[in-house]
Amino acid sequence: MLDVLILAVIAGFIFTKLFKTLGKVEDGDETRTNEIIKNFKKRQSREDNTEAEIDIASAFEASMPQKVRDTFDKARKIDPRFNAEKFINGAKQAFEVIVKAYVGGDKSVLQQLLSRDVFSSFAREIERRNDAKEVHESTLIRFKECEITDAELNGNILTISVKFISEQINLIKDNLGNIITGDPSKIQTIQDVWVFAKHLKGNTSIWELVETKNI
C-alpha cells in the first residue's frame, strides 16, 4: 500500500497533515520534534500506587462505528489506560513529525515511529529523491477532518486506522530551487488513511505507523 503513497508523492503528493510548514528545519523545530516523539511514546498512565480503572467510553467514542467501540472496550480490558481521544491527539502530532521527517530526509526520526516495512519504503523514496537532487516542500494549511475509521485487536496487538483530510501546498523543486511540480498558490485537499499499531502488553509504549493508504 505504501507504494501507492510513494507514487502519489511523486505525481500528486498524497502526503497528509502537518500542523505547520514542513521542509527545512527551523530554529526550535528539533526540540519540538523530540518533545512530540516523547509525548507520543508516553503511556497514558495513572499514579503507580493507585489501581487503574477501565475508562468509560466517552462522548468522543460515541459517534464511532460499533465495531470500533467494541474493539476499544476489549482493548481496555488488556490496558485500562487506553484512551481514544488521547490517541487521536497523539496521532496528529505523530503525523506532523513523520511527514516533516520524510520531507527533510530524517531517517533517524522515521525509524522511531515506523514499522520496518513502512520505514524501508520511505527510505527508498528519500534515496530516490536525493539521487535526483529533488527537494520536497510541504505546508499544511489546516485539517478538515481527522477521525478513527477502524480498529482491530489481534491478541494483544491493537491497530487503529485514522483518516486524515487536510489542505496542503506541496512542491517538488530541483537543486536550483526551480519548481518541478506543484503550484505555491494552489491548495490541495489531501486524503489518507494511516494505520497505527501497538502491543498493549509489550515493553514499549510506542505506537508504530504500519500502513498508509490513499483514499
N, C-alpha and C. Protein backbone atom coordinates (compact mmCIF):
# COMPACT_ATOMS: atom_id res chain seq x y z
N MET A 1 0.82 -1.21 0.00
CA MET A 1 0.00 0.00 0.00
C MET A 1 0.85 1.26 0.00
N LEU A 2 2.03 1.13 0.62
CA LEU A 2 2.86 2.33 0.70
C LEU A 2 3.38 2.74 -0.67
N ASP A 3 3.47 1.74 -1.60
CA ASP A 3 3.88 2.11 -2.95
C ASP A 3 2.93 3.11 -3.56
N VAL A 4 1.63 2.97 -3.25
CA VAL A 4 0.65 3.95 -3.72
C VAL A 4 0.98 5.32 -3.17
N LEU A 5 1.35 5.36 -1.89
CA LEU A 5 1.71 6.64 -1.26
C LEU A 5 2.90 7.27 -1.96
N ILE A 6 3.94 6.46 -2.26
CA ILE A 6 5.16 6.99 -2.85
C ILE A 6 4.88 7.52 -4.25
N LEU A 7 4.10 6.78 -5.04
CA LEU A 7 3.76 7.25 -6.38
C LEU A 7 3.00 8.57 -6.31
N ALA A 8 2.10 8.68 -5.34
CA ALA A 8 1.33 9.91 -5.23
C ALA A 8 2.19 11.07 -4.79
N VAL A 9 3.20 10.80 -3.97
CA VAL A 9 4.11 11.87 -3.57
C VAL A 9 4.82 12.41 -4.80
N ILE A 10 5.23 11.50 -5.69
CA ILE A 10 5.96 11.91 -6.88
C ILE A 10 5.03 12.67 -7.83
N ALA A 11 3.80 12.20 -8.00
CA ALA A 11 2.93 12.78 -9.01
C ALA A 11 1.98 13.82 -8.47
N GLY A 12 1.35 13.54 -7.35
CA GLY A 12 0.32 14.46 -6.88
C GLY A 12 0.37 14.75 -5.41
N PHE A 13 1.35 14.17 -4.72
CA PHE A 13 1.63 14.44 -3.31
C PHE A 13 0.48 14.06 -2.40
N ILE A 14 0.40 12.78 -2.08
CA ILE A 14 -0.70 12.38 -1.22
C ILE A 14 -0.42 12.61 0.24
N PHE A 15 0.79 12.97 0.58
CA PHE A 15 1.10 13.09 2.00
C PHE A 15 0.20 14.10 2.69
N THR A 16 -0.36 13.63 3.76
CA THR A 16 -1.29 14.44 4.52
C THR A 16 -0.66 15.10 5.71
N LYS A 17 -1.37 15.97 6.25
CA LYS A 17 -1.24 16.57 7.56
C LYS A 17 0.09 17.12 8.00
N LEU A 18 0.28 18.27 8.20
CA LEU A 18 1.27 18.84 9.07
C LEU A 18 0.53 19.95 9.76
N PHE A 19 0.93 20.30 10.96
CA PHE A 19 0.30 21.43 11.61
C PHE A 19 0.85 22.72 11.07
N LYS A 20 2.13 22.70 10.68
CA LYS A 20 2.78 23.93 10.28
C LYS A 20 3.64 23.64 9.07
N THR A 21 4.43 24.63 8.63
CA THR A 21 5.28 24.46 7.47
C THR A 21 6.24 23.31 7.68
N LEU A 22 6.37 22.47 6.62
CA LEU A 22 7.30 21.37 6.67
C LEU A 22 8.40 21.61 5.65
N GLY A 23 9.54 20.98 5.86
CA GLY A 23 10.63 21.12 4.91
C GLY A 23 11.90 21.35 5.67
N LYS A 24 12.51 22.51 5.50
CA LYS A 24 13.74 22.81 6.20
C LYS A 24 13.46 22.99 7.69
N VAL A 25 14.41 22.55 8.49
CA VAL A 25 14.24 22.64 9.94
C VAL A 25 14.48 24.07 10.39
N GLU A 26 13.48 24.64 11.06
CA GLU A 26 13.60 25.99 11.59
C GLU A 26 14.18 25.93 12.99
N ASP A 27 14.61 27.07 13.53
CA ASP A 27 15.12 27.13 14.89
C ASP A 27 14.05 26.64 15.85
N GLY A 28 14.43 25.72 16.71
CA GLY A 28 13.50 25.19 17.70
C GLY A 28 12.71 24.00 17.21
N ASP A 29 12.74 23.69 15.91
CA ASP A 29 11.96 22.58 15.39
C ASP A 29 12.45 21.24 15.94
N GLU A 30 13.78 21.10 16.09
CA GLU A 30 14.31 19.83 16.58
C GLU A 30 13.83 19.56 18.00
N THR A 31 13.82 20.60 18.82
CA THR A 31 13.33 20.45 20.19
C THR A 31 11.87 20.05 20.19
N ARG A 32 11.06 20.71 19.34
CA ARG A 32 9.64 20.40 19.26
C ARG A 32 9.43 18.97 18.77
N THR A 33 10.20 18.56 17.77
CA THR A 33 10.09 17.21 17.24
C THR A 33 10.38 16.18 18.32
N ASN A 34 11.47 16.39 19.07
CA ASN A 34 11.82 15.46 20.14
C ASN A 34 10.74 15.40 21.21
N GLU A 35 10.14 16.55 21.52
CA GLU A 35 9.10 16.59 22.54
C GLU A 35 7.86 15.84 22.07
N ILE A 36 7.50 16.01 20.79
CA ILE A 36 6.33 15.31 20.25
C ILE A 36 6.55 13.80 20.27
N ILE A 37 7.75 13.38 19.86
CA ILE A 37 8.06 11.96 19.88
C ILE A 37 7.97 11.42 21.31
N LYS A 38 8.52 12.17 22.26
CA LYS A 38 8.48 11.77 23.66
C LYS A 38 7.05 11.62 24.14
N ASN A 39 6.20 12.61 23.80
CA ASN A 39 4.80 12.56 24.23
C ASN A 39 4.06 11.41 23.58
N PHE A 40 4.36 11.16 22.30
CA PHE A 40 3.66 10.09 21.59
C PHE A 40 4.02 8.72 22.16
N LYS A 41 5.24 8.60 22.69
CA LYS A 41 5.68 7.33 23.25
C LYS A 41 5.14 7.10 24.66
N LYS A 42 4.76 8.16 25.35
CA LYS A 42 4.36 8.04 26.75
C LYS A 42 3.08 7.22 26.90
N ARG A 43 3.06 6.40 27.91
CA ARG A 43 1.81 5.71 28.23
C ARG A 43 0.84 6.67 28.87
N GLN A 44 -0.45 6.40 28.61
CA GLN A 44 -1.48 7.21 29.25
C GLN A 44 -1.68 6.59 30.63
N SER A 45 -0.76 6.92 31.55
CA SER A 45 -0.70 6.21 32.83
C SER A 45 -1.26 7.04 33.97
N ARG A 46 -1.60 6.34 35.03
CA ARG A 46 -2.01 6.99 36.26
C ARG A 46 -0.94 6.75 37.31
N GLU A 47 -1.14 7.23 38.52
CA GLU A 47 -0.17 7.05 39.58
C GLU A 47 0.03 5.56 39.85
N ASP A 48 1.28 5.14 40.08
CA ASP A 48 1.60 3.74 40.28
C ASP A 48 0.92 3.15 41.51
N ASN A 49 0.64 3.97 42.51
CA ASN A 49 0.09 3.45 43.76
C ASN A 49 -1.43 3.41 43.77
N THR A 50 -2.04 3.63 42.59
CA THR A 50 -3.50 3.53 42.50
C THR A 50 -3.84 2.48 41.46
N GLU A 51 -4.95 1.82 41.64
CA GLU A 51 -5.37 0.80 40.70
C GLU A 51 -6.04 1.46 39.51
N ALA A 52 -5.54 1.15 38.29
CA ALA A 52 -6.13 1.73 37.08
C ALA A 52 -7.54 1.20 36.90
N GLU A 53 -8.42 2.10 36.50
CA GLU A 53 -9.80 1.72 36.24
C GLU A 53 -10.08 1.81 34.75
N ILE A 54 -10.94 0.94 34.28
CA ILE A 54 -11.30 0.96 32.87
C ILE A 54 -12.08 2.22 32.57
N ASP A 55 -11.56 2.98 31.60
CA ASP A 55 -12.23 4.22 31.23
C ASP A 55 -13.59 3.92 30.61
N ILE A 56 -14.57 4.66 31.01
CA ILE A 56 -15.89 4.54 30.39
C ILE A 56 -15.84 5.24 29.05
N ALA A 57 -16.44 4.62 28.04
CA ALA A 57 -16.44 5.21 26.70
C ALA A 57 -16.98 6.63 26.77
N SER A 58 -16.23 7.55 26.22
CA SER A 58 -16.60 8.96 26.28
C SER A 58 -17.47 9.34 25.10
N ALA A 59 -17.93 10.58 25.15
CA ALA A 59 -18.72 11.10 24.03
C ALA A 59 -17.88 11.10 22.76
N PHE A 60 -16.57 11.21 22.92
CA PHE A 60 -15.67 11.18 21.76
C PHE A 60 -15.82 9.88 20.99
N GLU A 61 -16.02 8.78 21.70
CA GLU A 61 -16.16 7.48 21.05
C GLU A 61 -17.58 7.18 20.60
N ALA A 62 -18.53 7.92 21.11
CA ALA A 62 -19.94 7.59 20.88
C ALA A 62 -20.33 7.60 19.41
N SER A 63 -19.69 8.46 18.62
CA SER A 63 -20.05 8.57 17.21
C SER A 63 -19.29 7.60 16.32
N MET A 64 -18.43 6.79 16.90
CA MET A 64 -17.64 5.85 16.12
C MET A 64 -18.45 4.61 15.78
N PRO A 65 -18.04 3.87 14.73
CA PRO A 65 -18.74 2.63 14.40
C PRO A 65 -18.75 1.67 15.58
N GLN A 66 -19.79 0.86 15.65
CA GLN A 66 -19.93 -0.07 16.77
C GLN A 66 -18.73 -1.01 16.87
N LYS A 67 -18.22 -1.44 15.72
CA LYS A 67 -17.06 -2.34 15.73
C LYS A 67 -15.87 -1.69 16.44
N VAL A 68 -15.66 -0.41 16.17
CA VAL A 68 -14.55 0.31 16.79
C VAL A 68 -14.75 0.42 18.29
N ARG A 69 -15.97 0.77 18.70
CA ARG A 69 -16.25 0.90 20.14
C ARG A 69 -16.07 -0.43 20.86
N ASP A 70 -16.54 -1.50 20.23
CA ASP A 70 -16.38 -2.82 20.84
C ASP A 70 -14.90 -3.19 20.96
N THR A 71 -14.13 -2.87 19.93
CA THR A 71 -12.70 -3.16 19.96
C THR A 71 -12.00 -2.40 21.07
N PHE A 72 -12.37 -1.14 21.24
CA PHE A 72 -11.75 -0.33 22.30
C PHE A 72 -12.13 -0.85 23.69
N ASP A 73 -13.37 -1.32 23.84
CA ASP A 73 -13.78 -1.90 25.12
C ASP A 73 -12.92 -3.13 25.44
N LYS A 74 -12.66 -3.95 24.43
CA LYS A 74 -11.81 -5.14 24.62
C LYS A 74 -10.37 -4.73 24.93
N ALA A 75 -9.91 -3.69 24.24
CA ALA A 75 -8.54 -3.22 24.45
C ALA A 75 -8.35 -2.73 25.87
N ARG A 76 -9.36 -2.07 26.43
CA ARG A 76 -9.26 -1.54 27.79
C ARG A 76 -9.24 -2.65 28.85
N LYS A 77 -9.70 -3.83 28.48
CA LYS A 77 -9.60 -4.95 29.41
C LYS A 77 -8.16 -5.44 29.51
N ILE A 78 -7.39 -5.16 28.46
CA ILE A 78 -5.96 -5.51 28.47
C ILE A 78 -5.14 -4.36 29.05
N ASP A 79 -5.44 -3.16 28.59
CA ASP A 79 -4.75 -1.96 29.09
C ASP A 79 -5.81 -0.91 29.43
N PRO A 80 -6.22 -0.84 30.70
CA PRO A 80 -7.28 0.08 31.11
C PRO A 80 -6.95 1.54 30.85
N ARG A 81 -5.69 1.84 30.59
CA ARG A 81 -5.30 3.24 30.40
C ARG A 81 -5.54 3.73 28.99
N PHE A 82 -5.94 2.84 28.07
CA PHE A 82 -6.16 3.27 26.69
C PHE A 82 -7.27 4.30 26.63
N ASN A 83 -7.02 5.38 25.91
CA ASN A 83 -7.99 6.47 25.76
C ASN A 83 -7.98 6.91 24.31
N ALA A 84 -9.10 6.76 23.63
CA ALA A 84 -9.16 7.04 22.19
C ALA A 84 -8.91 8.50 21.87
N GLU A 85 -9.40 9.39 22.71
CA GLU A 85 -9.22 10.82 22.43
C GLU A 85 -7.75 11.21 22.55
N LYS A 86 -7.08 10.69 23.58
CA LYS A 86 -5.65 10.96 23.71
C LYS A 86 -4.88 10.35 22.54
N PHE A 87 -5.32 9.17 22.11
CA PHE A 87 -4.66 8.53 20.97
C PHE A 87 -4.73 9.41 19.73
N ILE A 88 -5.92 9.92 19.40
CA ILE A 88 -6.05 10.69 18.16
C ILE A 88 -5.24 11.97 18.23
N ASN A 89 -5.15 12.58 19.41
CA ASN A 89 -4.32 13.77 19.55
C ASN A 89 -2.85 13.43 19.32
N GLY A 90 -2.42 12.27 19.85
CA GLY A 90 -1.05 11.83 19.62
C GLY A 90 -0.80 11.48 18.17
N ALA A 91 -1.81 10.89 17.51
CA ALA A 91 -1.66 10.53 16.11
C ALA A 91 -1.47 11.76 15.23
N LYS A 92 -2.17 12.83 15.55
CA LYS A 92 -2.00 14.08 14.81
C LYS A 92 -0.56 14.58 14.94
N GLN A 93 -0.06 14.56 16.16
CA GLN A 93 1.31 15.03 16.37
C GLN A 93 2.31 14.12 15.68
N ALA A 94 2.06 12.81 15.75
CA ALA A 94 2.96 11.87 15.09
C ALA A 94 2.96 12.08 13.58
N PHE A 95 1.80 12.39 13.03
CA PHE A 95 1.70 12.64 11.59
C PHE A 95 2.58 13.83 11.21
N GLU A 96 2.50 14.87 12.03
CA GLU A 96 3.32 16.06 11.80
C GLU A 96 4.80 15.70 11.77
N VAL A 97 5.23 14.95 12.76
CA VAL A 97 6.64 14.60 12.86
C VAL A 97 7.07 13.69 11.71
N ILE A 98 6.25 12.70 11.39
CA ILE A 98 6.60 11.75 10.34
C ILE A 98 6.73 12.43 8.99
N VAL A 99 5.76 13.28 8.65
CA VAL A 99 5.83 13.94 7.35
C VAL A 99 7.00 14.92 7.30
N LYS A 100 7.22 15.62 8.41
CA LYS A 100 8.36 16.55 8.47
C LYS A 100 9.66 15.78 8.26
N ALA A 101 9.78 14.63 8.91
CA ALA A 101 10.99 13.82 8.78
C ALA A 101 11.14 13.29 7.36
N TYR A 102 10.04 12.89 6.75
CA TYR A 102 10.09 12.41 5.37
C TYR A 102 10.54 13.52 4.44
N VAL A 103 9.93 14.68 4.57
CA VAL A 103 10.28 15.81 3.71
C VAL A 103 11.75 16.19 3.90
N GLY A 104 12.20 16.17 5.14
CA GLY A 104 13.58 16.56 5.44
C GLY A 104 14.58 15.43 5.31
N GLY A 105 14.10 14.22 4.99
CA GLY A 105 15.00 13.09 4.83
C GLY A 105 15.62 12.61 6.13
N ASP A 106 14.93 12.79 7.25
CA ASP A 106 15.46 12.43 8.56
C ASP A 106 15.09 10.99 8.91
N LYS A 107 15.95 10.06 8.52
CA LYS A 107 15.66 8.65 8.73
C LYS A 107 15.69 8.26 10.20
N SER A 108 16.51 8.93 10.99
CA SER A 108 16.61 8.57 12.41
C SER A 108 15.29 8.78 13.13
N VAL A 109 14.58 9.84 12.78
CA VAL A 109 13.26 10.08 13.37
C VAL A 109 12.26 9.06 12.85
N LEU A 110 12.29 8.79 11.55
CA LEU A 110 11.35 7.85 10.95
C LEU A 110 11.48 6.46 11.57
N GLN A 111 12.70 6.04 11.87
CA GLN A 111 12.91 4.71 12.43
C GLN A 111 12.22 4.54 13.78
N GLN A 112 12.02 5.63 14.49
CA GLN A 112 11.40 5.55 15.81
C GLN A 112 9.88 5.38 15.74
N LEU A 113 9.29 5.77 14.63
CA LEU A 113 7.83 5.82 14.56
C LEU A 113 7.22 4.94 13.48
N LEU A 114 8.05 4.30 12.65
CA LEU A 114 7.54 3.49 11.55
C LEU A 114 7.87 2.02 11.77
N SER A 115 7.00 1.15 11.26
CA SER A 115 7.33 -0.27 11.24
C SER A 115 8.47 -0.49 10.25
N ARG A 116 9.07 -1.65 10.30
CA ARG A 116 10.22 -1.93 9.43
C ARG A 116 9.86 -1.80 7.95
N ASP A 117 8.72 -2.37 7.56
CA ASP A 117 8.33 -2.33 6.15
C ASP A 117 8.04 -0.91 5.68
N VAL A 118 7.31 -0.16 6.50
CA VAL A 118 6.98 1.21 6.11
C VAL A 118 8.25 2.06 6.05
N PHE A 119 9.13 1.88 7.02
CA PHE A 119 10.39 2.63 7.00
C PHE A 119 11.19 2.34 5.74
N SER A 120 11.25 1.08 5.34
CA SER A 120 12.01 0.72 4.14
C SER A 120 11.47 1.43 2.91
N SER A 121 10.16 1.51 2.80
CA SER A 121 9.56 2.19 1.65
C SER A 121 9.83 3.69 1.68
N PHE A 122 9.71 4.29 2.86
CA PHE A 122 10.01 5.72 2.99
C PHE A 122 11.48 5.98 2.65
N ALA A 123 12.36 5.13 3.18
CA ALA A 123 13.79 5.32 2.97
C ALA A 123 14.15 5.21 1.49
N ARG A 124 13.53 4.28 0.79
CA ARG A 124 13.80 4.14 -0.65
C ARG A 124 13.41 5.40 -1.40
N GLU A 125 12.28 5.98 -1.05
CA GLU A 125 11.85 7.19 -1.74
C GLU A 125 12.75 8.38 -1.38
N ILE A 126 13.21 8.44 -0.15
CA ILE A 126 14.15 9.51 0.23
C ILE A 126 15.43 9.39 -0.59
N GLU A 127 15.93 8.16 -0.74
CA GLU A 127 17.14 7.95 -1.53
C GLU A 127 16.91 8.30 -2.99
N ARG A 128 15.75 7.93 -3.53
CA ARG A 128 15.45 8.27 -4.92
C ARG A 128 15.44 9.77 -5.11
N ARG A 129 14.82 10.47 -4.16
CA ARG A 129 14.74 11.92 -4.23
C ARG A 129 16.12 12.55 -4.13
N ASN A 130 16.95 12.02 -3.24
CA ASN A 130 18.30 12.54 -3.10
C ASN A 130 19.12 12.32 -4.36
N ASP A 131 19.00 11.13 -4.95
CA ASP A 131 19.73 10.84 -6.18
C ASP A 131 19.31 11.76 -7.31
N ALA A 132 18.02 12.11 -7.33
CA ALA A 132 17.51 13.01 -8.37
C ALA A 132 17.74 14.47 -8.03
N LYS A 133 18.33 14.72 -6.84
CA LYS A 133 18.57 16.09 -6.37
C LYS A 133 17.27 16.91 -6.33
N GLU A 134 16.24 16.26 -5.83
CA GLU A 134 14.94 16.92 -5.69
C GLU A 134 14.70 17.30 -4.24
N VAL A 135 13.94 18.36 -4.05
CA VAL A 135 13.56 18.82 -2.72
C VAL A 135 12.04 18.85 -2.63
N HIS A 136 11.50 18.21 -1.61
CA HIS A 136 10.05 18.19 -1.39
C HIS A 136 9.72 19.21 -0.32
N GLU A 137 8.85 20.14 -0.64
CA GLU A 137 8.38 21.13 0.34
C GLU A 137 6.88 20.97 0.52
N SER A 138 6.43 21.01 1.75
CA SER A 138 5.01 20.81 2.04
C SER A 138 4.58 21.73 3.17
N THR A 139 3.42 22.33 3.01
CA THR A 139 2.87 23.22 4.02
C THR A 139 1.43 22.81 4.32
N LEU A 140 1.14 22.58 5.58
CA LEU A 140 -0.23 22.30 5.97
C LEU A 140 -0.98 23.60 6.18
N ILE A 141 -2.11 23.73 5.54
CA ILE A 141 -2.95 24.91 5.75
C ILE A 141 -3.88 24.66 6.94
N ARG A 142 -4.59 23.54 6.91
CA ARG A 142 -5.46 23.19 8.03
C ARG A 142 -5.95 21.76 7.87
N PHE A 143 -6.39 21.18 8.98
CA PHE A 143 -7.07 19.90 8.95
C PHE A 143 -8.56 20.13 8.73
N LYS A 144 -9.11 19.41 7.77
CA LYS A 144 -10.55 19.44 7.58
C LYS A 144 -11.22 18.31 8.37
N GLU A 145 -10.48 17.23 8.53
CA GLU A 145 -11.06 16.08 9.22
C GLU A 145 -9.94 15.18 9.72
N CYS A 146 -10.16 14.60 10.88
CA CYS A 146 -9.23 13.62 11.44
C CYS A 146 -10.05 12.69 12.32
N GLU A 147 -10.26 11.46 11.88
CA GLU A 147 -11.14 10.58 12.63
C GLU A 147 -10.67 9.13 12.58
N ILE A 148 -11.02 8.40 13.61
CA ILE A 148 -10.75 6.97 13.66
C ILE A 148 -11.83 6.26 12.85
N THR A 149 -11.40 5.46 11.88
CA THR A 149 -12.36 4.79 11.00
C THR A 149 -12.45 3.29 11.24
N ASP A 150 -11.43 2.71 11.85
CA ASP A 150 -11.45 1.26 12.06
C ASP A 150 -10.48 0.91 13.19
N ALA A 151 -10.71 -0.23 13.80
CA ALA A 151 -9.82 -0.72 14.84
C ALA A 151 -9.95 -2.24 14.91
N GLU A 152 -8.83 -2.90 15.16
CA GLU A 152 -8.81 -4.35 15.29
C GLU A 152 -7.91 -4.75 16.44
N LEU A 153 -8.30 -5.80 17.12
CA LEU A 153 -7.49 -6.33 18.22
C LEU A 153 -7.18 -7.79 17.90
N ASN A 154 -5.91 -8.07 17.65
CA ASN A 154 -5.45 -9.42 17.38
C ASN A 154 -4.51 -9.83 18.51
N GLY A 155 -5.02 -10.65 19.42
CA GLY A 155 -4.25 -10.96 20.60
C GLY A 155 -4.10 -9.70 21.44
N ASN A 156 -2.85 -9.29 21.66
CA ASN A 156 -2.59 -8.06 22.41
C ASN A 156 -2.18 -6.91 21.50
N ILE A 157 -2.30 -7.10 20.19
CA ILE A 157 -1.92 -6.06 19.23
C ILE A 157 -3.16 -5.27 18.82
N LEU A 158 -3.17 -3.99 19.12
CA LEU A 158 -4.27 -3.11 18.73
C LEU A 158 -3.84 -2.28 17.54
N THR A 159 -4.62 -2.33 16.46
CA THR A 159 -4.36 -1.50 15.29
C THR A 159 -5.53 -0.54 15.10
N ILE A 160 -5.21 0.70 14.80
CA ILE A 160 -6.23 1.74 14.64
C ILE A 160 -5.98 2.48 13.33
N SER A 161 -7.03 2.60 12.53
CA SER A 161 -6.96 3.34 11.27
C SER A 161 -7.48 4.75 11.48
N VAL A 162 -6.73 5.73 11.00
CA VAL A 162 -7.09 7.14 11.15
C VAL A 162 -7.15 7.79 9.78
N LYS A 163 -8.29 8.42 9.50
CA LYS A 163 -8.43 9.16 8.24
C LYS A 163 -8.06 10.62 8.47
N PHE A 164 -7.10 11.09 7.68
CA PHE A 164 -6.69 12.49 7.71
C PHE A 164 -7.13 13.16 6.42
N ILE A 165 -7.87 14.25 6.53
CA ILE A 165 -8.19 15.08 5.38
C ILE A 165 -7.66 16.47 5.69
N SER A 166 -6.74 16.94 4.85
CA SER A 166 -6.11 18.23 5.13
C SER A 166 -5.97 19.04 3.86
N GLU A 167 -5.78 20.32 4.06
CA GLU A 167 -5.46 21.22 2.95
C GLU A 167 -3.97 21.53 3.01
N GLN A 168 -3.29 21.31 1.90
CA GLN A 168 -1.84 21.45 1.86
C GLN A 168 -1.39 22.13 0.58
N ILE A 169 -0.19 22.66 0.64
CA ILE A 169 0.53 23.11 -0.56
C ILE A 169 1.77 22.24 -0.66
N ASN A 170 1.93 21.54 -1.78
CA ASN A 170 3.06 20.64 -1.97
C ASN A 170 3.84 21.01 -3.22
N LEU A 171 5.15 21.03 -3.08
CA LEU A 171 6.03 21.38 -4.20
C LEU A 171 7.18 20.39 -4.28
N ILE A 172 7.62 20.11 -5.49
CA ILE A 172 8.88 19.42 -5.72
C ILE A 172 9.78 20.38 -6.50
N LYS A 173 10.98 20.62 -5.97
CA LYS A 173 11.92 21.54 -6.61
C LYS A 173 13.21 20.81 -6.98
N ASP A 174 13.92 21.37 -7.97
CA ASP A 174 15.24 20.82 -8.28
C ASP A 174 16.28 21.45 -7.37
N ASN A 175 17.53 21.08 -7.56
CA ASN A 175 18.57 21.57 -6.64
C ASN A 175 18.88 23.05 -6.82
N LEU A 176 18.31 23.67 -7.85
CA LEU A 176 18.48 25.11 -8.06
C LEU A 176 17.29 25.90 -7.53
N GLY A 177 16.30 25.18 -7.00
CA GLY A 177 15.13 25.85 -6.45
C GLY A 177 14.01 26.05 -7.45
N ASN A 178 14.18 25.53 -8.66
CA ASN A 178 13.12 25.63 -9.66
C ASN A 178 12.02 24.62 -9.37
N ILE A 179 10.78 25.03 -9.50
CA ILE A 179 9.65 24.15 -9.23
C ILE A 179 9.49 23.14 -10.37
N ILE A 180 9.51 21.86 -10.01
CA ILE A 180 9.29 20.80 -10.98
C ILE A 180 7.81 20.48 -11.08
N THR A 181 7.19 20.30 -9.95
CA THR A 181 5.75 20.04 -9.90
C THR A 181 5.16 20.79 -8.72
N GLY A 182 3.88 21.11 -8.85
CA GLY A 182 3.19 21.83 -7.78
C GLY A 182 3.06 23.31 -8.09
N ASP A 183 2.20 23.96 -7.34
CA ASP A 183 1.93 25.38 -7.51
C ASP A 183 1.84 26.01 -6.12
N PRO A 184 2.74 26.95 -5.81
CA PRO A 184 2.73 27.55 -4.46
C PRO A 184 1.45 28.29 -4.12
N SER A 185 0.63 28.59 -5.13
CA SER A 185 -0.62 29.30 -4.87
C SER A 185 -1.83 28.37 -4.87
N LYS A 186 -1.59 27.07 -5.08
CA LYS A 186 -2.68 26.11 -5.17
C LYS A 186 -2.75 25.25 -3.91
N ILE A 187 -3.90 25.29 -3.26
CA ILE A 187 -4.12 24.47 -2.07
C ILE A 187 -4.80 23.17 -2.49
N GLN A 188 -4.22 22.06 -2.08
CA GLN A 188 -4.77 20.75 -2.40
C GLN A 188 -5.47 20.16 -1.18
N THR A 189 -6.56 19.46 -1.42
CA THR A 189 -7.21 18.69 -0.37
C THR A 189 -6.69 17.26 -0.46
N ILE A 190 -6.03 16.82 0.59
CA ILE A 190 -5.37 15.52 0.59
C ILE A 190 -6.08 14.59 1.56
N GLN A 191 -6.32 13.35 1.11
CA GLN A 191 -6.99 12.37 1.95
C GLN A 191 -6.13 11.12 2.07
N ASP A 192 -5.90 10.69 3.27
CA ASP A 192 -5.14 9.47 3.53
C ASP A 192 -5.71 8.73 4.72
N VAL A 193 -5.43 7.45 4.77
CA VAL A 193 -5.68 6.66 5.97
C VAL A 193 -4.33 6.11 6.43
N TRP A 194 -4.00 6.39 7.67
CA TRP A 194 -2.79 5.85 8.28
C TRP A 194 -3.20 4.85 9.35
N VAL A 195 -2.49 3.73 9.39
CA VAL A 195 -2.80 2.67 10.35
C VAL A 195 -1.67 2.57 11.38
N PHE A 196 -2.04 2.72 12.64
CA PHE A 196 -1.08 2.64 13.74
C PHE A 196 -1.32 1.35 14.52
N ALA A 197 -0.24 0.81 15.10
CA ALA A 197 -0.36 -0.43 15.87
C ALA A 197 0.47 -0.35 17.14
N LYS A 198 0.02 -1.10 18.15
CA LYS A 198 0.73 -1.13 19.43
C LYS A 198 0.46 -2.45 20.14
N HIS A 199 1.50 -2.99 20.78
CA HIS A 199 1.37 -4.17 21.63
C HIS A 199 0.96 -3.67 23.02
N LEU A 200 -0.25 -4.00 23.42
CA LEU A 200 -0.79 -3.45 24.66
C LEU A 200 -0.09 -3.96 25.91
N LYS A 201 0.61 -5.08 25.79
CA LYS A 201 1.35 -5.61 26.93
C LYS A 201 2.85 -5.66 26.67
N GLY A 202 3.28 -4.99 25.62
CA GLY A 202 4.69 -5.03 25.27
C GLY A 202 5.54 -4.14 26.15
N ASN A 203 6.85 -4.29 26.00
CA ASN A 203 7.78 -3.48 26.78
C ASN A 203 7.84 -2.04 26.31
N THR A 204 7.49 -1.82 25.05
CA THR A 204 7.49 -0.46 24.51
C THR A 204 6.08 0.10 24.49
N SER A 205 5.97 1.38 24.72
CA SER A 205 4.66 2.02 24.71
C SER A 205 4.41 2.78 23.42
N ILE A 206 5.30 2.63 22.44
CA ILE A 206 5.19 3.42 21.23
C ILE A 206 4.14 2.84 20.28
N TRP A 207 3.44 3.74 19.61
CA TRP A 207 2.55 3.37 18.51
C TRP A 207 3.37 3.48 17.23
N GLU A 208 3.34 2.45 16.41
CA GLU A 208 4.06 2.45 15.14
C GLU A 208 3.09 2.68 13.98
N LEU A 209 3.56 3.42 12.98
CA LEU A 209 2.82 3.52 11.73
C LEU A 209 3.13 2.27 10.92
N VAL A 210 2.11 1.46 10.65
CA VAL A 210 2.33 0.17 9.99
C VAL A 210 1.79 0.12 8.57
N GLU A 211 1.01 1.11 8.18
CA GLU A 211 0.45 1.11 6.82
C GLU A 211 -0.07 2.49 6.48
N THR A 212 0.00 2.85 5.19
CA THR A 212 -0.61 4.08 4.71
C THR A 212 -1.42 3.76 3.47
N LYS A 213 -2.57 4.40 3.35
CA LYS A 213 -3.45 4.15 2.21
C LYS A 213 -3.99 5.47 1.68
N ASN A 214 -3.96 5.61 0.37
CA ASN A 214 -4.55 6.77 -0.28
C ASN A 214 -6.03 6.50 -0.53
N ILE A 215 -6.89 7.48 -0.27
CA ILE A 215 -8.32 7.28 -0.49
C ILE A 215 -8.86 8.37 -1.41
